Amino acid sequence: MIYNVILYVTCGFIFSSWVLPLYSIIAYYAALKTLDYIVEGISRSKAAFIVTIKPEEVVAALSESFGSGITEIPAKGGYSGTERTVLYFVVNRFQIGKMRGIVHEIDPSAYITINEVADIFSANHDSEKEKQNA
């Protein structure tokens, strides 16, 4: 993509017109994103790290709403020194708004970060695949 953008910008300088190079950059970016969705799928997973002082209530509400497990990691605030819990929770990108609403309803001071998840592997899931292939 960088090579093509450099090529389009060079053409813009050479021909003193920026209309076609800018449209080309936008079209190329759209094609790249479309290809990503085709290869990786539209429902790509996200990992949420939730820093909260009310982990029991948040875990109960998220487990009830989504029916999936949550990992609790004990933590201590670097600035405040208070004991907190980091919850690791994997959702798809369409569930982020619902998750955020549930967490902030229970703990308005909760801190949430969202990261891309490339792949998810589970020992139970992998062993079931091996049984099916046998």
N, C-alpha and C. Protein backbone atom coordinates (compact mmCIF):
# COMPACT_ATOMS: atom_id res chain seq x y z
N MET A 1 0.83 -1.19 0.00
CA MET A 1 0.00 0.00 0.00
C MET A 1 0.88 1.25 0.00
N ILE A 2 1.95 1.25 0.77
CA ILE A 2 2.82 2.43 0.83
C ILE A 2 3.44 2.70 -0.53
N TYR A 3 3.86 1.62 -1.22
CA TYR A 3 4.43 1.78 -2.55
C TYR A 3 3.43 2.46 -3.49
N ASN A 4 2.20 2.00 -3.46
CA ASN A 4 1.17 2.58 -4.34
C ASN A 4 0.86 4.02 -3.98
N VAL A 5 0.81 4.34 -2.70
CA VAL A 5 0.54 5.72 -2.29
C VAL A 5 1.67 6.63 -2.76
N ILE A 6 2.93 6.17 -2.64
CA ILE A 6 4.06 6.96 -3.14
C ILE A 6 3.95 7.16 -4.64
N LEU A 7 3.55 6.11 -5.34
CA LEU A 7 3.37 6.20 -6.80
C LEU A 7 2.27 7.21 -7.15
N TYR A 8 1.15 7.18 -6.43
CA TYR A 8 0.05 8.11 -6.70
C TYR A 8 0.45 9.55 -6.40
N VAL A 9 1.17 9.76 -5.30
CA VAL A 9 1.62 11.11 -4.94
C VAL A 9 2.61 11.62 -5.99
N THR A 10 3.50 10.77 -6.45
CA THR A 10 4.45 11.17 -7.50
C THR A 10 3.71 11.56 -8.77
N CYS A 11 2.71 10.79 -9.14
CA CYS A 11 1.90 11.14 -10.32
C CYS A 11 1.19 12.47 -10.11
N GLY A 12 0.74 12.74 -8.90
CA GLY A 12 0.09 14.02 -8.62
C GLY A 12 1.03 15.19 -8.84
N PHE A 13 2.29 15.03 -8.41
CA PHE A 13 3.28 16.09 -8.64
C PHE A 13 3.62 16.23 -10.12
N ILE A 14 3.78 15.11 -10.80
CA ILE A 14 4.16 15.15 -12.22
C ILE A 14 3.07 15.80 -13.07
N PHE A 15 1.83 15.38 -12.86
CA PHE A 15 0.73 15.88 -13.70
C PHE A 15 0.04 17.11 -13.11
N SER A 16 0.46 17.59 -11.96
CA SER A 16 -0.11 18.77 -11.29
C SER A 16 -1.62 18.67 -11.11
N SER A 17 -2.09 17.46 -10.88
CA SER A 17 -3.51 17.23 -10.62
C SER A 17 -3.61 16.21 -9.49
N TRP A 18 -4.45 16.51 -8.52
CA TRP A 18 -4.57 15.64 -7.36
C TRP A 18 -5.88 14.86 -7.32
N VAL A 19 -6.75 15.11 -8.29
CA VAL A 19 -8.05 14.45 -8.28
C VAL A 19 -7.90 12.93 -8.46
N LEU A 20 -7.28 12.50 -9.52
CA LEU A 20 -7.13 11.06 -9.78
C LEU A 20 -6.25 10.36 -8.75
N PRO A 21 -5.11 10.93 -8.34
CA PRO A 21 -4.32 10.23 -7.30
C PRO A 21 -5.09 10.05 -5.98
N LEU A 22 -5.85 11.06 -5.57
CA LEU A 22 -6.61 10.93 -4.32
C LEU A 22 -7.72 9.89 -4.44
N TYR A 23 -8.43 9.89 -5.57
CA TYR A 23 -9.44 8.86 -5.79
C TYR A 23 -8.81 7.48 -5.84
N SER A 24 -7.63 7.37 -6.42
CA SER A 24 -6.93 6.09 -6.50
C SER A 24 -6.53 5.59 -5.12
N ILE A 25 -6.05 6.50 -4.28
CA ILE A 25 -5.68 6.11 -2.91
C ILE A 25 -6.91 5.62 -2.15
N ILE A 26 -8.03 6.33 -2.28
CA ILE A 26 -9.26 5.93 -1.58
C ILE A 26 -9.76 4.59 -2.10
N ALA A 27 -9.75 4.40 -3.42
CA ALA A 27 -10.20 3.13 -4.01
C ALA A 27 -9.29 1.98 -3.58
N TYR A 28 -8.00 2.24 -3.55
CA TYR A 28 -7.05 1.20 -3.15
C TYR A 28 -7.26 0.82 -1.68
N TYR A 29 -7.48 1.80 -0.82
CA TYR A 29 -7.73 1.54 0.59
C TYR A 29 -9.03 0.74 0.77
N ALA A 30 -10.07 1.12 0.05
CA ALA A 30 -11.34 0.39 0.14
C ALA A 30 -11.17 -1.05 -0.32
N ALA A 31 -10.43 -1.27 -1.39
CA ALA A 31 -10.19 -2.63 -1.88
C ALA A 31 -9.38 -3.44 -0.86
N LEU A 32 -8.42 -2.80 -0.22
CA LEU A 32 -7.60 -3.48 0.79
C LEU A 32 -8.45 -3.90 1.98
N LYS A 33 -9.33 -3.02 2.45
CA LYS A 33 -10.21 -3.35 3.57
C LYS A 33 -11.20 -4.45 3.20
N THR A 34 -11.71 -4.39 1.97
CA THR A 34 -12.64 -5.43 1.50
C THR A 34 -11.95 -6.79 1.48
N LEU A 35 -10.72 -6.81 1.01
CA LEU A 35 -9.96 -8.04 0.98
C LEU A 35 -9.71 -8.56 2.40
N ASP A 36 -9.43 -7.67 3.33
CA ASP A 36 -9.26 -8.08 4.73
C ASP A 36 -10.51 -8.74 5.27
N TYR A 37 -11.68 -8.17 4.97
CA TYR A 37 -12.93 -8.75 5.45
C TYR A 37 -13.19 -10.10 4.80
N ILE A 38 -12.82 -10.27 3.54
CA ILE A 38 -13.03 -11.55 2.87
C ILE A 38 -12.12 -12.62 3.47
N VAL A 39 -10.85 -12.28 3.68
CA VAL A 39 -9.87 -13.25 4.19
C VAL A 39 -10.10 -13.54 5.67
N GLU A 40 -10.28 -12.50 6.48
CA GLU A 40 -10.34 -12.66 7.93
C GLU A 40 -11.76 -12.80 8.48
N GLY A 41 -12.75 -12.49 7.69
CA GLY A 41 -14.13 -12.59 8.14
C GLY A 41 -14.62 -11.28 8.73
N ILE A 42 -15.93 -11.08 8.66
CA ILE A 42 -16.51 -9.82 9.11
C ILE A 42 -16.66 -9.76 10.62
N SER A 43 -16.77 -10.91 11.27
CA SER A 43 -16.99 -10.91 12.72
C SER A 43 -15.68 -11.18 13.46
N ARG A 44 -14.69 -10.39 13.20
CA ARG A 44 -13.39 -10.55 13.85
C ARG A 44 -13.52 -10.27 15.34
N SER A 45 -12.83 -11.04 16.13
CA SER A 45 -12.93 -10.92 17.58
C SER A 45 -12.10 -9.78 18.12
N LYS A 46 -12.55 -9.27 19.26
CA LYS A 46 -11.85 -8.21 19.99
C LYS A 46 -11.62 -8.70 21.42
N ALA A 47 -10.50 -8.30 21.99
CA ALA A 47 -10.21 -8.62 23.38
C ALA A 47 -10.40 -7.35 24.21
N ALA A 48 -11.20 -7.46 25.24
CA ALA A 48 -11.45 -6.33 26.12
C ALA A 48 -10.71 -6.56 27.44
N PHE A 49 -9.93 -5.58 27.85
CA PHE A 49 -9.31 -5.56 29.17
C PHE A 49 -10.09 -4.55 30.00
N ILE A 50 -10.77 -5.04 31.03
CA ILE A 50 -11.64 -4.20 31.85
C ILE A 50 -11.00 -4.08 33.24
N VAL A 51 -10.62 -2.87 33.62
CA VAL A 51 -10.04 -2.63 34.95
C VAL A 51 -11.19 -2.12 35.83
N THR A 52 -11.51 -2.87 36.88
CA THR A 52 -12.67 -2.54 37.69
C THR A 52 -12.42 -2.79 39.17
N ILE A 53 -13.22 -2.13 39.99
CA ILE A 53 -13.18 -2.38 41.44
C ILE A 53 -14.36 -3.25 41.86
N LYS A 54 -15.21 -3.63 40.90
CA LYS A 54 -16.37 -4.48 41.18
C LYS A 54 -16.34 -5.70 40.26
N PRO A 55 -15.31 -6.55 40.38
CA PRO A 55 -15.18 -7.66 39.43
C PRO A 55 -16.28 -8.71 39.52
N GLU A 56 -16.75 -9.02 40.72
CA GLU A 56 -17.77 -10.06 40.86
C GLU A 56 -19.05 -9.69 40.13
N GLU A 57 -19.50 -8.44 40.31
CA GLU A 57 -20.73 -8.00 39.67
C GLU A 57 -20.58 -7.93 38.15
N VAL A 58 -19.43 -7.45 37.68
CA VAL A 58 -19.21 -7.33 36.23
C VAL A 58 -19.13 -8.71 35.60
N VAL A 59 -18.41 -9.65 36.24
CA VAL A 59 -18.29 -11.01 35.71
C VAL A 59 -19.67 -11.67 35.64
N ALA A 60 -20.45 -11.53 36.69
CA ALA A 60 -21.78 -12.14 36.70
C ALA A 60 -22.66 -11.58 35.58
N ALA A 61 -22.65 -10.27 35.41
CA ALA A 61 -23.50 -9.65 34.38
C ALA A 61 -23.04 -10.03 32.97
N LEU A 62 -21.73 -10.01 32.71
CA LEU A 62 -21.21 -10.35 31.39
C LEU A 62 -21.43 -11.82 31.08
N SER A 63 -21.20 -12.69 32.06
CA SER A 63 -21.41 -14.12 31.85
C SER A 63 -22.87 -14.42 31.54
N GLU A 64 -23.77 -13.75 32.24
CA GLU A 64 -25.20 -13.95 32.02
C GLU A 64 -25.62 -13.44 30.64
N SER A 65 -25.10 -12.29 30.24
CA SER A 65 -25.50 -11.69 28.97
C SER A 65 -24.89 -12.38 27.75
N PHE A 66 -23.63 -12.80 27.86
CA PHE A 66 -22.93 -13.34 26.70
C PHE A 66 -22.72 -14.85 26.75
N GLY A 67 -22.84 -15.45 27.92
CA GLY A 67 -22.67 -16.89 28.04
C GLY A 67 -21.26 -17.36 27.75
N SER A 68 -20.28 -16.55 28.05
CA SER A 68 -18.89 -16.94 27.83
C SER A 68 -18.06 -16.66 29.07
N GLY A 69 -16.89 -17.27 29.11
CA GLY A 69 -16.02 -17.14 30.27
C GLY A 69 -15.23 -15.85 30.27
N ILE A 70 -14.77 -15.48 31.44
CA ILE A 70 -13.99 -14.26 31.64
C ILE A 70 -12.82 -14.61 32.55
N THR A 71 -11.64 -14.11 32.22
CA THR A 71 -10.46 -14.35 33.04
C THR A 71 -10.23 -13.16 33.95
N GLU A 72 -10.05 -13.43 35.25
CA GLU A 72 -9.78 -12.39 36.23
C GLU A 72 -8.29 -12.36 36.54
N ILE A 73 -7.71 -11.15 36.50
CA ILE A 73 -6.29 -10.97 36.80
C ILE A 73 -6.18 -9.93 37.91
N PRO A 74 -5.63 -10.31 39.07
CA PRO A 74 -5.47 -9.31 40.14
C PRO A 74 -4.47 -8.23 39.72
N ALA A 75 -4.76 -6.99 40.09
CA ALA A 75 -3.89 -5.87 39.70
C ALA A 75 -3.87 -4.83 40.81
N LYS A 76 -2.91 -3.94 40.72
CA LYS A 76 -2.78 -2.84 41.66
C LYS A 76 -2.55 -1.57 40.86
N GLY A 77 -3.29 -0.53 41.17
CA GLY A 77 -3.15 0.74 40.46
C GLY A 77 -1.76 1.32 40.64
N GLY A 78 -1.09 1.64 39.55
CA GLY A 78 0.25 2.19 39.63
C GLY A 78 0.28 3.59 40.22
N TYR A 79 -0.72 4.39 39.96
CA TYR A 79 -0.79 5.75 40.47
C TYR A 79 -1.46 5.80 41.84
N SER A 80 -2.63 5.13 41.93
CA SER A 80 -3.40 5.21 43.17
C SER A 80 -2.97 4.18 44.21
N GLY A 81 -2.41 3.07 43.77
CA GLY A 81 -2.02 2.02 44.70
C GLY A 81 -3.18 1.17 45.18
N THR A 82 -4.39 1.39 44.64
CA THR A 82 -5.56 0.62 45.07
C THR A 82 -5.60 -0.73 44.37
N GLU A 83 -6.18 -1.69 45.07
CA GLU A 83 -6.33 -3.03 44.51
C GLU A 83 -7.47 -3.01 43.50
N ARG A 84 -7.21 -3.58 42.34
CA ARG A 84 -8.21 -3.66 41.28
C ARG A 84 -8.13 -5.04 40.66
N THR A 85 -9.04 -5.30 39.74
CA THR A 85 -9.03 -6.55 38.99
C THR A 85 -9.12 -6.21 37.52
N VAL A 86 -8.31 -6.90 36.72
CA VAL A 86 -8.39 -6.77 35.26
C VAL A 86 -9.14 -7.98 34.75
N LEU A 87 -10.20 -7.74 34.02
CA LEU A 87 -10.98 -8.82 33.42
C LEU A 87 -10.61 -8.90 31.95
N TYR A 88 -10.31 -10.09 31.48
CA TYR A 88 -10.00 -10.32 30.07
C TYR A 88 -11.20 -11.01 29.46
N PHE A 89 -11.77 -10.39 28.43
CA PHE A 89 -13.04 -10.85 27.87
C PHE A 89 -12.98 -10.71 26.36
N VAL A 90 -13.29 -11.79 25.64
CA VAL A 90 -13.25 -11.76 24.18
C VAL A 90 -14.68 -11.69 23.64
N VAL A 91 -14.91 -10.71 22.77
CA VAL A 91 -16.22 -10.51 22.13
C VAL A 91 -16.00 -10.25 20.65
N ASN A 92 -17.08 -10.32 19.86
CA ASN A 92 -16.94 -9.89 18.48
C ASN A 92 -17.21 -8.39 18.41
N ARG A 93 -16.89 -7.78 17.31
CA ARG A 93 -16.95 -6.31 17.24
C ARG A 93 -18.36 -5.76 17.35
N PHE A 94 -19.37 -6.60 17.10
CA PHE A 94 -20.75 -6.14 17.20
C PHE A 94 -21.25 -6.13 18.64
N GLN A 95 -20.54 -6.80 19.54
CA GLN A 95 -20.96 -6.89 20.94
C GLN A 95 -20.27 -5.86 21.84
N ILE A 96 -19.39 -5.06 21.30
CA ILE A 96 -18.62 -4.12 22.12
C ILE A 96 -19.52 -3.10 22.80
N GLY A 97 -20.47 -2.53 22.08
CA GLY A 97 -21.36 -1.53 22.67
C GLY A 97 -22.18 -2.08 23.82
N LYS A 98 -22.70 -3.28 23.65
CA LYS A 98 -23.49 -3.92 24.71
C LYS A 98 -22.60 -4.18 25.93
N MET A 99 -21.38 -4.70 25.70
CA MET A 99 -20.46 -4.98 26.79
C MET A 99 -20.11 -3.71 27.55
N ARG A 100 -19.82 -2.65 26.82
CA ARG A 100 -19.45 -1.37 27.45
C ARG A 100 -20.60 -0.84 28.30
N GLY A 101 -21.83 -0.95 27.80
CA GLY A 101 -22.99 -0.49 28.56
C GLY A 101 -23.18 -1.26 29.85
N ILE A 102 -23.01 -2.58 29.80
CA ILE A 102 -23.16 -3.41 30.99
C ILE A 102 -22.10 -3.05 32.03
N VAL A 103 -20.84 -2.93 31.58
CA VAL A 103 -19.75 -2.65 32.51
C VAL A 103 -19.92 -1.29 33.16
N HIS A 104 -20.22 -0.26 32.37
CA HIS A 104 -20.32 1.08 32.93
C HIS A 104 -21.59 1.30 33.74
N GLU A 105 -22.59 0.46 33.54
CA GLU A 105 -23.78 0.53 34.40
C GLU A 105 -23.44 0.03 35.80
N ILE A 106 -22.60 -1.00 35.88
CA ILE A 106 -22.21 -1.57 37.17
C ILE A 106 -21.09 -0.75 37.82
N ASP A 107 -20.08 -0.40 37.04
CA ASP A 107 -18.93 0.34 37.56
C ASP A 107 -18.62 1.50 36.62
N PRO A 108 -19.19 2.69 36.88
CA PRO A 108 -18.96 3.84 36.00
C PRO A 108 -17.50 4.27 35.89
N SER A 109 -16.67 3.89 36.87
CA SER A 109 -15.26 4.27 36.82
C SER A 109 -14.38 3.20 36.16
N ALA A 110 -14.99 2.15 35.61
CA ALA A 110 -14.22 1.08 34.97
C ALA A 110 -13.50 1.62 33.74
N TYR A 111 -12.33 1.06 33.52
CA TYR A 111 -11.48 1.46 32.41
C TYR A 111 -11.42 0.28 31.44
N ILE A 112 -11.76 0.51 30.18
CA ILE A 112 -11.83 -0.58 29.20
C ILE A 112 -10.91 -0.26 28.03
N THR A 113 -10.07 -1.24 27.67
CA THR A 113 -9.29 -1.13 26.44
C THR A 113 -9.69 -2.29 25.53
N ILE A 114 -9.70 -2.02 24.23
CA ILE A 114 -10.09 -3.02 23.24
C ILE A 114 -8.91 -3.25 22.30
N ASN A 115 -8.59 -4.52 22.05
CA ASN A 115 -7.51 -4.90 21.15
C ASN A 115 -8.02 -5.90 20.11
N GLU A 116 -7.38 -5.91 18.96
CA GLU A 116 -7.70 -6.90 17.92
C GLU A 116 -7.20 -8.27 18.36
N VAL A 117 -7.95 -9.31 18.02
CA VAL A 117 -7.55 -10.68 18.27
C VAL A 117 -7.36 -11.34 16.92
N ALA A 118 -6.15 -11.83 16.66
CA ALA A 118 -5.87 -12.45 15.37
C ALA A 118 -6.50 -13.84 15.28
N ASP A 119 -6.28 -14.68 16.26
CA ASP A 119 -6.82 -16.03 16.28
C ASP A 119 -7.15 -16.42 17.70
N ILE A 120 -8.09 -17.34 17.83
CA ILE A 120 -8.45 -17.88 19.14
C ILE A 120 -8.31 -19.39 19.07
N PHE A 121 -7.52 -19.94 19.96
CA PHE A 121 -7.33 -21.38 20.04
C PHE A 121 -7.76 -21.85 21.41
N SER A 122 -8.48 -22.95 21.45
CA SER A 122 -8.93 -23.52 22.71
C SER A 122 -8.54 -24.99 22.73
N ALA A 123 -8.05 -25.46 23.85
CA ALA A 123 -7.65 -26.87 23.96
C ALA A 123 -8.85 -27.77 23.73
N ASN A 124 -10.00 -27.41 24.29
CA ASN A 124 -11.21 -28.23 24.10
C ASN A 124 -11.64 -28.23 22.65
N HIS A 125 -11.61 -27.08 22.02
CA HIS A 125 -12.03 -26.95 20.62
C HIS A 125 -11.08 -27.73 19.70
N ASP A 126 -9.77 -27.64 19.96
CA ASP A 126 -8.79 -28.33 19.14
C ASP A 126 -8.93 -29.85 19.28
N SER A 127 -9.17 -30.34 20.52
CA SER A 127 -9.30 -31.79 20.71
C SER A 127 -10.57 -32.31 20.06
N GLU A 128 -11.65 -31.51 20.02
CA GLU A 128 -12.87 -31.92 19.34
C GLU A 128 -12.64 -32.04 17.85
N LYS A 129 -11.86 -31.11 17.27
CA LYS A 129 -11.54 -31.18 15.84
C LYS A 129 -10.74 -32.44 15.53
N GLU A 130 -9.78 -32.79 16.42
CA GLU A 130 -8.96 -33.97 16.21
C GLU A 130 -9.82 -35.22 16.24
N LYS A 131 -10.81 -35.27 17.14
CA LYS A 131 -11.71 -36.43 17.21
C LYS A 131 -12.53 -36.54 15.94
N GLN A 132 -12.99 -35.41 15.39
CA GLN A 132 -13.79 -35.42 14.17
C GLN A 132 -12.96 -35.87 12.97
N ASN A 133 -11.68 -35.50 12.94
CA ASN A 133 -10.82 -35.86 11.83
C ASN A 133 -10.36 -37.32 11.89
N ALA A 134 -10.45 -37.96 13.07
CA ALA A 134 -9.97 -39.33 13.23
C ALA A 134 -10.93 -40.34 12.63
